[in-house]
Amino acid sequence: MEPVRTCVGCRARASRSDLLRVVAQDGALIIDERAVLPGRGAWVHPEPECLDKALRRRAFARALRVTAPLDTQTIEKRLNGYGNKVNGSK
């Protein structure tokens, strides 16, 4: 049985393989493709709608327990199809 996580955007439960793990590093949101980076992670569907909902609700800061503002440019570019995969992914 595969682990189940909750999307911080739409709040729907989904299998871990259907979601992207996001971590905060140096004040920026980083996509953790392989789900191996240290620290707290937040999970989100790889869809712009879920990202928009999470950003509007400030769900990333709450889930990651970060008080400072987060730079979301990297994750926004990736989910909108402009960026390349990061973190050593294929």
PDB file of N, CA and C in Angstrom:
ATOM      1  N   MET A   1       0.836  -1.175   0.000  1.00  0.00           N
ATOM      2  CA  MET A   1       0.000   0.000   0.000  1.00  0.00           C
ATOM      3  C   MET A   1       0.890   1.250   0.000  1.00  0.00           C
ATOM      4  N   GLU A   2       0.620   2.150  -0.894  1.00  0.00           N
ATOM      5  CA  GLU A   2       1.426   3.356  -1.032  1.00  0.00           C
ATOM      6  C   GLU A   2       0.991   4.415  -0.022  1.00  0.00           C
ATOM      7  N   PRO A   3       1.968   5.191   0.509  1.00  0.00           N
ATOM      8  CA  PRO A   3       1.623   6.249   1.464  1.00  0.00           C
ATOM      9  C   PRO A   3       0.719   7.307   0.840  1.00  0.00           C
ATOM     10  N   VAL A   4      -0.136   7.891   1.671  1.00  0.00           N
ATOM     11  CA  VAL A   4      -1.084   8.910   1.226  1.00  0.00           C
ATOM     12  C   VAL A   4      -0.690  10.237   1.869  1.00  0.00           C
ATOM     13  N   ARG A   5      -0.735  11.308   1.088  1.00  0.00           N
ATOM     14  CA  ARG A   5      -0.419  12.652   1.569  1.00  0.00           C
ATOM     15  C   ARG A   5      -1.566  13.584   1.201  1.00  0.00           C
ATOM     16  N   THR A   6      -1.596  14.769   1.801  1.00  0.00           N
ATOM     17  CA  THR A   6      -2.625  15.767   1.528  1.00  0.00           C
ATOM     18  C   THR A   6      -2.014  16.937   0.781  1.00  0.00           C
ATOM     19  N   CYS A   7      -2.631  17.339  -0.308  1.00  0.00           N
ATOM     20  CA  CYS A   7      -2.191  18.483  -1.088  1.00  0.00           C
ATOM     21  C   CYS A   7      -2.486  19.752  -0.293  1.00  0.00           C
ATOM     22  N   VAL A   8      -1.487  20.639  -0.148  1.00  0.00           N
ATOM     23  CA  VAL A   8      -1.697  21.873   0.606  1.00  0.00           C
ATOM     24  C   VAL A   8      -2.552  22.871  -0.173  1.00  0.00           C
ATOM     25  N   GLY A   9      -2.736  22.650  -1.459  1.00  0.00           N
ATOM     26  CA  GLY A   9      -3.554  23.551  -2.270  1.00  0.00           C
ATOM     27  C   GLY A   9      -5.029  23.222  -2.201  1.00  0.00           C
ATOM     28  N   CYS A  10      -5.382  22.038  -2.676  1.00  0.00           N
ATOM     29  CA  CYS A  10      -6.796  21.668  -2.753  1.00  0.00           C
ATOM     30  C   CYS A  10      -7.275  20.864  -1.542  1.00  0.00           C
ATOM     31  N   ARG A  11      -6.322  20.464  -0.677  1.00  0.00           N
ATOM     32  CA  ARG A  11      -6.614  19.695   0.534  1.00  0.00           C
ATOM     33  C   ARG A  11      -7.142  18.295   0.253  1.00  0.00           C
ATOM     34  N   ALA A  12      -6.990  17.807  -0.972  1.00  0.00           N
ATOM     35  CA  ALA A  12      -7.416  16.449  -1.313  1.00  0.00           C
ATOM     36  C   ALA A  12      -6.300  15.467  -0.969  1.00  0.00           C
ATOM     37  N   ARG A  13      -6.674  14.293  -0.536  1.00  0.00           N
ATOM     38  CA  ARG A  13      -5.699  13.246  -0.245  1.00  0.00           C
ATOM     39  C   ARG A  13      -5.381  12.501  -1.530  1.00  0.00           C
ATOM     40  N   ALA A  14      -4.099  12.193  -1.712  1.00  0.00           N
ATOM     41  CA  ALA A  14      -3.655  11.475  -2.915  1.00  0.00           C
ATOM     42  C   ALA A  14      -2.429  10.651  -2.560  1.00  0.00           C
ATOM     43  N   SER A  15      -2.125   9.684  -3.409  1.00  0.00           N
ATOM     44  CA  SER A  15      -0.933   8.876  -3.169  1.00  0.00           C
ATOM     45  C   SER A  15       0.310   9.744  -3.333  1.00  0.00           C
ATOM     46  N   ARG A  16       1.337   9.370  -2.649  1.00  0.00           N
ATOM     47  CA  ARG A  16       2.580  10.134  -2.638  1.00  0.00           C
ATOM     48  C   ARG A  16       3.145  10.308  -4.048  1.00  0.00           C
ATOM     49  N   SER A  17       2.982   9.330  -4.908  1.00  0.00           N
ATOM     50  CA  SER A  17       3.528   9.405  -6.262  1.00  0.00           C
ATOM     51  C   SER A  17       2.787  10.410  -7.142  1.00  0.00           C
ATOM     52  N   ASP A  18       1.584  10.813  -6.755  1.00  0.00           N
ATOM     53  CA  ASP A  18       0.804  11.780  -7.533  1.00  0.00           C
ATOM     54  C   ASP A  18       1.090  13.226  -7.137  1.00  0.00           C
ATOM     55  N   LEU A  19       1.863  13.440  -6.074  1.00  0.00           N
ATOM     56  CA  LEU A  19       2.122  14.777  -5.556  1.00  0.00           C
ATOM     57  C   LEU A  19       3.608  15.118  -5.652  1.00  0.00           C
ATOM     58  N   LEU A  20       3.910  16.417  -5.609  1.00  0.00           N
ATOM     59  CA  LEU A  20       5.286  16.898  -5.550  1.00  0.00           C
ATOM     60  C   LEU A  20       5.590  17.329  -4.128  1.00  0.00           C
ATOM     61  N   ARG A  21       6.775  16.975  -3.657  1.00  0.00           N
ATOM     62  CA  ARG A  21       7.207  17.429  -2.333  1.00  0.00           C
ATOM     63  C   ARG A  21       7.950  18.743  -2.504  1.00  0.00           C
ATOM     64  N   VAL A  22       7.647  19.696  -1.659  1.00  0.00           N
ATOM     65  CA  VAL A  22       8.270  21.017  -1.704  1.00  0.00           C
ATOM     66  C   VAL A  22       8.884  21.282  -0.337  1.00  0.00           C
ATOM     67  N   VAL A  23      10.126  21.784  -0.334  1.00  0.00           N
ATOM     68  CA  VAL A  23      10.794  22.148   0.907  1.00  0.00           C
ATOM     69  C   VAL A  23      11.256  23.595   0.825  1.00  0.00           C
ATOM     70  N   ALA A  24      11.519  24.194   1.973  1.00  0.00           N
ATOM     71  CA  ALA A  24      12.037  25.565   2.023  1.00  0.00           C
ATOM     72  C   ALA A  24      13.527  25.512   2.300  1.00  0.00           C
ATOM     73  N   GLN A  25      14.308  26.140   1.420  1.00  0.00           N
ATOM     74  CA  GLN A  25      15.753  26.236   1.608  1.00  0.00           C
ATOM     75  C   GLN A  25      16.193  27.654   1.298  1.00  0.00           C
ATOM     76  N   ASP A  26      16.857  28.276   2.227  1.00  0.00           N
ATOM     77  CA  ASP A  26      17.371  29.644   2.061  1.00  0.00           C
ATOM     78  C   ASP A  26      16.285  30.622   1.623  1.00  0.00           C
ATOM     79  N   GLY A  27      15.094  30.485   2.180  1.00  0.00           N
ATOM     80  CA  GLY A  27      14.012  31.415   1.898  1.00  0.00           C
ATOM     81  C   GLY A  27      13.299  31.188   0.579  1.00  0.00           C
ATOM     82  N   ALA A  28      13.556  30.068  -0.080  1.00  0.00           N
ATOM     83  CA  ALA A  28      12.907  29.777  -1.362  1.00  0.00           C
ATOM     84  C   ALA A  28      12.257  28.399  -1.320  1.00  0.00           C
ATOM     85  N   LEU A  29      11.182  28.246  -2.063  1.00  0.00           N
ATOM     86  CA  LEU A  29      10.550  26.936  -2.195  1.00  0.00           C
ATOM     87  C   LEU A  29      11.296  26.148  -3.253  1.00  0.00           C
ATOM     88  N   ILE A  30      11.684  24.936  -2.918  1.00  0.00           N
ATOM     89  CA  ILE A  30      12.431  24.059  -3.816  1.00  0.00           C
ATOM     90  C   ILE A  30      11.626  22.787  -4.016  1.00  0.00           C
ATOM     91  N   ILE A  31      11.490  22.354  -5.258  1.00  0.00           N
ATOM     92  CA  ILE A  31      10.812  21.092  -5.537  1.00  0.00           C
ATOM     93  C   ILE A  31      11.777  19.958  -5.261  1.00  0.00           C
ATOM     94  N   ASP A  32      11.350  19.028  -4.460  1.00  0.00           N
ATOM     95  CA  ASP A  32      12.157  17.864  -4.091  1.00  0.00           C
ATOM     96  C   ASP A  32      11.651  16.669  -4.883  1.00  0.00           C
ATOM     97  N   GLU A  33      12.165  16.519  -6.095  1.00  0.00           N
ATOM     98  CA  GLU A  33      11.679  15.468  -7.012  1.00  0.00           C
ATOM     99  C   GLU A  33      11.770  14.067  -6.413  1.00  0.00           C
ATOM    100  N   ARG A  34      12.876  13.785  -5.735  1.00  0.00           N
ATOM    101  CA  ARG A  34      13.084  12.430  -5.220  1.00  0.00           C
ATOM    102  C   ARG A  34      12.619  12.269  -3.776  1.00  0.00           C
ATOM    103  N   ALA A  35      12.112  13.340  -3.172  1.00  0.00           N
ATOM    104  CA  ALA A  35      11.604  13.324  -1.793  1.00  0.00           C
ATOM    105  C   ALA A  35      12.670  12.859  -0.808  1.00  0.00           C
ATOM    106  N   VAL A  36      13.880  13.409  -0.942  1.00  0.00           N
ATOM    107  CA  VAL A  36      14.972  13.009  -0.061  1.00  0.00           C
ATOM    108  C   VAL A  36      15.639  14.189   0.649  1.00  0.00           C
ATOM    109  N   LEU A  37      15.290  15.416   0.329  1.00  0.00           N
ATOM    110  CA  LEU A  37      15.914  16.561   0.973  1.00  0.00           C
ATOM    111  C   LEU A  37      15.513  16.614   2.446  1.00  0.00           C
ATOM    112  N   PRO A  38      16.422  17.079   3.302  1.00  0.00           N
ATOM    113  CA  PRO A  38      16.113  17.127   4.736  1.00  0.00           C
ATOM    114  C   PRO A  38      15.115  18.234   5.069  1.00  0.00           C
ATOM    115  N   GLY A  39      14.474  18.083   6.196  1.00  0.00           N
ATOM    116  CA  GLY A  39      13.554  19.097   6.690  1.00  0.00           C
ATOM    117  C   GLY A  39      12.108  18.773   6.403  1.00  0.00           C
ATOM    118  N   ARG A  40      11.254  19.661   6.860  1.00  0.00           N
ATOM    119  CA  ARG A  40       9.817  19.489   6.649  1.00  0.00           C
ATOM    120  C   ARG A  40       9.490  19.635   5.177  1.00  0.00           C
ATOM    121  N   GLY A  41       8.515  18.920   4.730  1.00  0.00           N
ATOM    122  CA  GLY A  41       8.069  19.021   3.354  1.00  0.00           C
ATOM    123  C   GLY A  41       6.581  19.271   3.286  1.00  0.00           C
ATOM    124  N   ALA A  42       6.165  19.914   2.223  1.00  0.00           N
ATOM    125  CA  ALA A  42       4.748  20.115   1.941  1.00  0.00           C
ATOM    126  C   ALA A  42       4.480  19.438   0.602  1.00  0.00           C
ATOM    127  N   TRP A  43       3.301  18.925   0.433  1.00  0.00           N
ATOM    128  CA  TRP A  43       2.958  18.186  -0.777  1.00  0.00           C
ATOM    129  C   TRP A  43       1.896  18.938  -1.561  1.00  0.00           C
ATOM    130  N   VAL A  44       2.047  18.972  -2.883  1.00  0.00           N
ATOM    131  CA  VAL A  44       1.116  19.696  -3.742  1.00  0.00           C
ATOM    132  C   VAL A  44       0.972  18.941  -5.062  1.00  0.00           C
ATOM    133  N   HIS A  45      -0.232  18.983  -5.625  1.00  0.00           N
ATOM    134  CA  HIS A  45      -0.432  18.404  -6.957  1.00  0.00           C
ATOM    135  C   HIS A  45       0.383  19.202  -7.974  1.00  0.00           C
ATOM    136  N   PRO A  46       0.936  18.572  -8.978  1.00  0.00           N
ATOM    137  CA  PRO A  46       1.730  19.297  -9.982  1.00  0.00           C
ATOM    138  C   PRO A  46       0.847  20.031 -10.987  1.00  0.00           C
ATOM    139  N   GLU A  47      -0.060  20.840 -10.493  1.00  0.00           N
ATOM    140  CA  GLU A  47      -0.994  21.586 -11.323  1.00  0.00           C
ATOM    141  C   GLU A  47      -1.014  23.038 -10.873  1.00  0.00           C
ATOM    142  N   PRO A  48      -1.072  23.976 -11.813  1.00  0.00           N
ATOM    143  CA  PRO A  48      -1.080  25.402 -11.454  1.00  0.00           C
ATOM    144  C   PRO A  48      -2.243  25.793 -10.540  1.00  0.00           C
ATOM    145  N   GLU A  49      -3.386  25.127 -10.665  1.00  0.00           N
ATOM    146  CA  GLU A  49      -4.539  25.474  -9.837  1.00  0.00           C
ATOM    147  C   GLU A  49      -4.262  25.214  -8.361  1.00  0.00           C
ATOM    148  N   CYS A  50      -3.651  24.071  -8.070  1.00  0.00           N
ATOM    149  CA  CYS A  50      -3.341  23.742  -6.675  1.00  0.00           C
ATOM    150  C   CYS A  50      -2.269  24.678  -6.133  1.00  0.00           C
ATOM    151  N   LEU A  51      -1.301  25.027  -6.960  1.00  0.00           N
ATOM    152  CA  LEU A  51      -0.272  25.974  -6.533  1.00  0.00           C
ATOM    153  C   LEU A  51      -0.891  27.326  -6.211  1.00  0.00           C
ATOM    154  N   ASP A  52      -1.773  27.808  -7.070  1.00  0.00           N
ATOM    155  CA  ASP A  52      -2.423  29.098  -6.833  1.00  0.00           C
ATOM    156  C   ASP A  52      -3.220  29.097  -5.529  1.00  0.00           C
ATOM    157  N   LYS A  53      -3.953  28.021  -5.288  1.00  0.00           N
ATOM    158  CA  LYS A  53      -4.722  27.921  -4.045  1.00  0.00           C
ATOM    159  C   LYS A  53      -3.804  27.938  -2.826  1.00  0.00           C
ATOM    160  N   ALA A  54      -2.709  27.196  -2.907  1.00  0.00           N
ATOM    161  CA  ALA A  54      -1.773  27.129  -1.786  1.00  0.00           C
ATOM    162  C   ALA A  54      -1.132  28.492  -1.527  1.00  0.00           C
ATOM    163  N   LEU A  55      -0.795  29.216  -2.576  1.00  0.00           N
ATOM    164  CA  LEU A  55      -0.171  30.528  -2.418  1.00  0.00           C
ATOM    165  C   LEU A  55      -1.160  31.542  -1.842  1.00  0.00           C
ATOM    166  N   ARG A  56      -2.402  31.510  -2.317  1.00  0.00           N
ATOM    167  CA  ARG A  56      -3.419  32.431  -1.799  1.00  0.00           C
ATOM    168  C   ARG A  56      -3.682  32.203  -0.318  1.00  0.00           C
ATOM    169  N   ARG A  57      -3.684  30.938   0.094  1.00  0.00           N
ATOM    170  CA  ARG A  57      -3.976  30.596   1.486  1.00  0.00           C
ATOM    171  C   ARG A  57      -2.732  30.637   2.377  1.00  0.00           C
ATOM    172  N   ARG A  58      -1.571  30.930   1.793  1.00  0.00           N
ATOM    173  CA  ARG A  58      -0.288  30.914   2.509  1.00  0.00           C
ATOM    174  C   ARG A  58      -0.048  29.557   3.161  1.00  0.00           C
ATOM    175  N   ALA A  59      -0.418  28.514   2.447  1.00  0.00           N
ATOM    176  CA  ALA A  59      -0.343  27.156   2.981  1.00  0.00           C
ATOM    177  C   ALA A  59       1.084  26.637   3.082  1.00  0.00           C
ATOM    178  N   PHE A  60       1.972  27.071   2.185  1.00  0.00           N
ATOM    179  CA  PHE A  60       3.347  26.584   2.238  1.00  0.00           C
ATOM    180  C   PHE A  60       4.040  27.049   3.516  1.00  0.00           C
ATOM    181  N   ALA A  61       3.909  28.325   3.847  1.00  0.00           N
ATOM    182  CA  ALA A  61       4.544  28.847   5.057  1.00  0.00           C
ATOM    183  C   ALA A  61       4.007  28.136   6.296  1.00  0.00           C
ATOM    184  N   ARG A  62       2.731  27.882   6.321  1.00  0.00           N
ATOM    185  CA  ARG A  62       2.119  27.213   7.468  1.00  0.00           C
ATOM    186  C   ARG A  62       2.565  25.755   7.549  1.00  0.00           C
ATOM    187  N   ALA A  63       2.552  25.042   6.443  1.00  0.00           N
ATOM    188  CA  ALA A  63       2.923  23.627   6.443  1.00  0.00           C
ATOM    189  C   ALA A  63       4.408  23.428   6.734  1.00  0.00           C
ATOM    190  N   LEU A  64       5.232  24.350   6.248  1.00  0.00           N
ATOM    191  CA  LEU A  64       6.675  24.231   6.434  1.00  0.00           C
ATOM    192  C   LEU A  64       7.149  24.908   7.719  1.00  0.00           C
ATOM    193  N   ARG A  65       6.228  25.554   8.411  1.00  0.00           N
ATOM    194  CA  ARG A  65       6.513  26.255   9.669  1.00  0.00           C
ATOM    195  C   ARG A  65       7.615  27.291   9.479  1.00  0.00           C
ATOM    196  N   VAL A  66       7.409  28.142   8.466  1.00  0.00           N
ATOM    197  CA  VAL A  66       8.356  29.209   8.147  1.00  0.00           C
ATOM    198  C   VAL A  66       7.643  30.539   8.377  1.00  0.00           C
ATOM    199  N   THR A  67       8.331  31.473   9.039  1.00  0.00           N
ATOM    200  CA  THR A  67       7.707  32.762   9.307  1.00  0.00           C
ATOM    201  C   THR A  67       8.083  33.815   8.271  1.00  0.00           C
ATOM    202  N   ALA A  68       9.260  33.701   7.679  1.00  0.00           N
ATOM    203  CA  ALA A  68       9.710  34.673   6.680  1.00  0.00           C
ATOM    204  C   ALA A  68       9.010  34.427   5.348  1.00  0.00           C
ATOM    205  N   PRO A  69       8.869  35.458   4.516  1.00  0.00           N
ATOM    206  CA  PRO A  69       8.271  35.270   3.190  1.00  0.00           C
ATOM    207  C   PRO A  69       9.118  34.314   2.345  1.00  0.00           C
ATOM    208  N   LEU A  70       8.462  33.505   1.531  1.00  0.00           N
ATOM    209  CA  LEU A  70       9.146  32.522   0.694  1.00  0.00           C
ATOM    210  C   LEU A  70       9.168  32.971  -0.761  1.00  0.00           C
ATOM    211  N   ASP A  71      10.289  32.735  -1.425  1.00  0.00           N
ATOM    212  CA  ASP A  71      10.404  33.005  -2.855  1.00  0.00           C
ATOM    213  C   ASP A  71       9.791  31.819  -3.599  1.00  0.00           C
ATOM    214  N   THR A  72       8.734  32.068  -4.337  1.00  0.00           N
ATOM    215  CA  THR A  72       8.005  30.990  -5.024  1.00  0.00           C
ATOM    216  C   THR A  72       8.260  30.959  -6.517  1.00  0.00           C
ATOM    217  N   GLN A  73       9.213  31.736  -6.994  1.00  0.00           N
ATOM    218  CA  GLN A  73       9.453  31.863  -8.432  1.00  0.00           C
ATOM    219  C   GLN A  73       9.828  30.529  -9.083  1.00  0.00           C
ATOM    220  N   THR A  74      10.686  29.747  -8.447  1.00  0.00           N
ATOM    221  CA  THR A  74      11.133  28.482  -9.025  1.00  0.00           C
ATOM    222  C   THR A  74       9.975  27.509  -9.212  1.00  0.00           C
ATOM    223  N   ILE A  75       9.174  27.349  -8.190  1.00  0.00           N
ATOM    224  CA  ILE A  75       8.066  26.401  -8.271  1.00  0.00           C
ATOM    225  C   ILE A  75       6.982  26.893  -9.230  1.00  0.00           C
ATOM    226  N   GLU A  76       6.756  28.205  -9.275  1.00  0.00           N
ATOM    227  CA  GLU A  76       5.759  28.732 -10.214  1.00  0.00           C
ATOM    228  C   GLU A  76       6.179  28.489 -11.654  1.00  0.00           C
ATOM    229  N   LYS A  77       7.449  28.719 -11.965  1.00  0.00           N
ATOM    230  CA  LYS A  77       7.938  28.476 -13.329  1.00  0.00           C
ATOM    231  C   LYS A  77       7.808  27.010 -13.695  1.00  0.00           C
ATOM    232  N   ARG A  78       8.159  26.134 -12.781  1.00  0.00           N
ATOM    233  CA  ARG A  78       8.115  24.698 -13.054  1.00  0.00           C
ATOM    234  C   ARG A  78       6.688  24.214 -13.306  1.00  0.00           C
ATOM    235  N   LEU A  79       5.759  24.624 -12.459  1.00  0.00           N
ATOM    236  CA  LEU A  79       4.393  24.136 -12.599  1.00  0.00           C
ATOM    237  C   LEU A  79       3.662  24.802 -13.759  1.00  0.00           C
ATOM    238  N   ASN A  80       4.146  25.947 -14.193  1.00  0.00           N
ATOM    239  CA  ASN A  80       3.549  26.579 -15.364  1.00  0.00           C
ATOM    240  C   ASN A  80       4.231  26.125 -16.650  1.00  0.00           C
ATOM    241  N   GLY A  81       5.189  25.208 -16.543  1.00  0.00           N
ATOM    242  CA  GLY A  81       5.806  24.612 -17.721  1.00  0.00           C
ATOM    243  C   GLY A  81       7.002  25.345 -18.283  1.00  0.00           C
ATOM    244  N   TYR A  82       7.525  26.338 -17.560  1.00  0.00           N
ATOM    245  CA  TYR A  82       8.647  27.102 -18.099  1.00  0.00           C
ATOM    246  C   TYR A  82       9.988  26.602 -17.613  1.00  0.00           C
ATOM    247  N   GLY A  83      10.039  26.015 -16.437  1.00  0.00           N
ATOM    248  CA  GLY A  83      11.323  25.589 -15.870  1.00  0.00           C
ATOM    249  C   GLY A  83      11.632  24.146 -16.162  1.00  0.00           C
ATOM    250  N   ASN A  84      12.869  23.774 -15.973  1.00  0.00           N
ATOM    251  CA  ASN A  84      13.286  22.381 -16.110  1.00  0.00           C
ATOM    252  C   ASN A  84      13.151  21.694 -14.771  1.00  0.00           C
ATOM    253  N   LYS A  85      13.191  20.371 -14.795  1.00  0.00           N
ATOM    254  CA  LYS A  85      13.164  19.637 -13.549  1.00  0.00           C
ATOM    255  C   LYS A  85      14.433  19.957 -12.781  1.00  0.00           C
ATOM    256  N   VAL A  86      14.327  19.914 -11.473  1.00  0.00           N
ATOM    257  CA  VAL A  86      15.451  20.269 -10.618  1.00  0.00           C
ATOM    258  C   VAL A  86      15.781  19.116  -9.682  1.00  0.00           C
ATOM    259  N   ASN A  87      16.851  19.302  -8.928  1.00  0.00           N
ATOM    260  CA  ASN A  87      17.240  18.354  -7.882  1.00  0.00           C
ATOM    261  C   ASN A  87      17.664  17.002  -8.443  1.00  0.00           C
ATOM    262  N   GLY A  88      18.376  16.998  -9.553  1.00  0.00           N
ATOM    263  CA  GLY A  88      18.928  15.763 -10.087  1.00  0.00           C
ATOM    264  C   GLY A  88      17.912  14.806 -10.671  1.00  0.00           C
ATOM    265  N   SER A  89      16.742  15.271 -11.035  1.00  0.00           N
ATOM    266  CA  SER A  89      15.737  14.367 -11.594  1.00  0.00           C
ATOM    267  C   SER A  89      15.985  14.151 -13.074  1.00  0.00           C
ATOM    268  N   LYS A  90      15.340  13.172 -13.616  1.00  0.00           N
ATOM    269  CA  LYS A  90      15.513  12.825 -15.032  1.00  0.00           C
ATOM    270  C   LYS A  90      14.637  13.658 -15.923  1.00  0.00           C
TER     271      LYS A  90
END
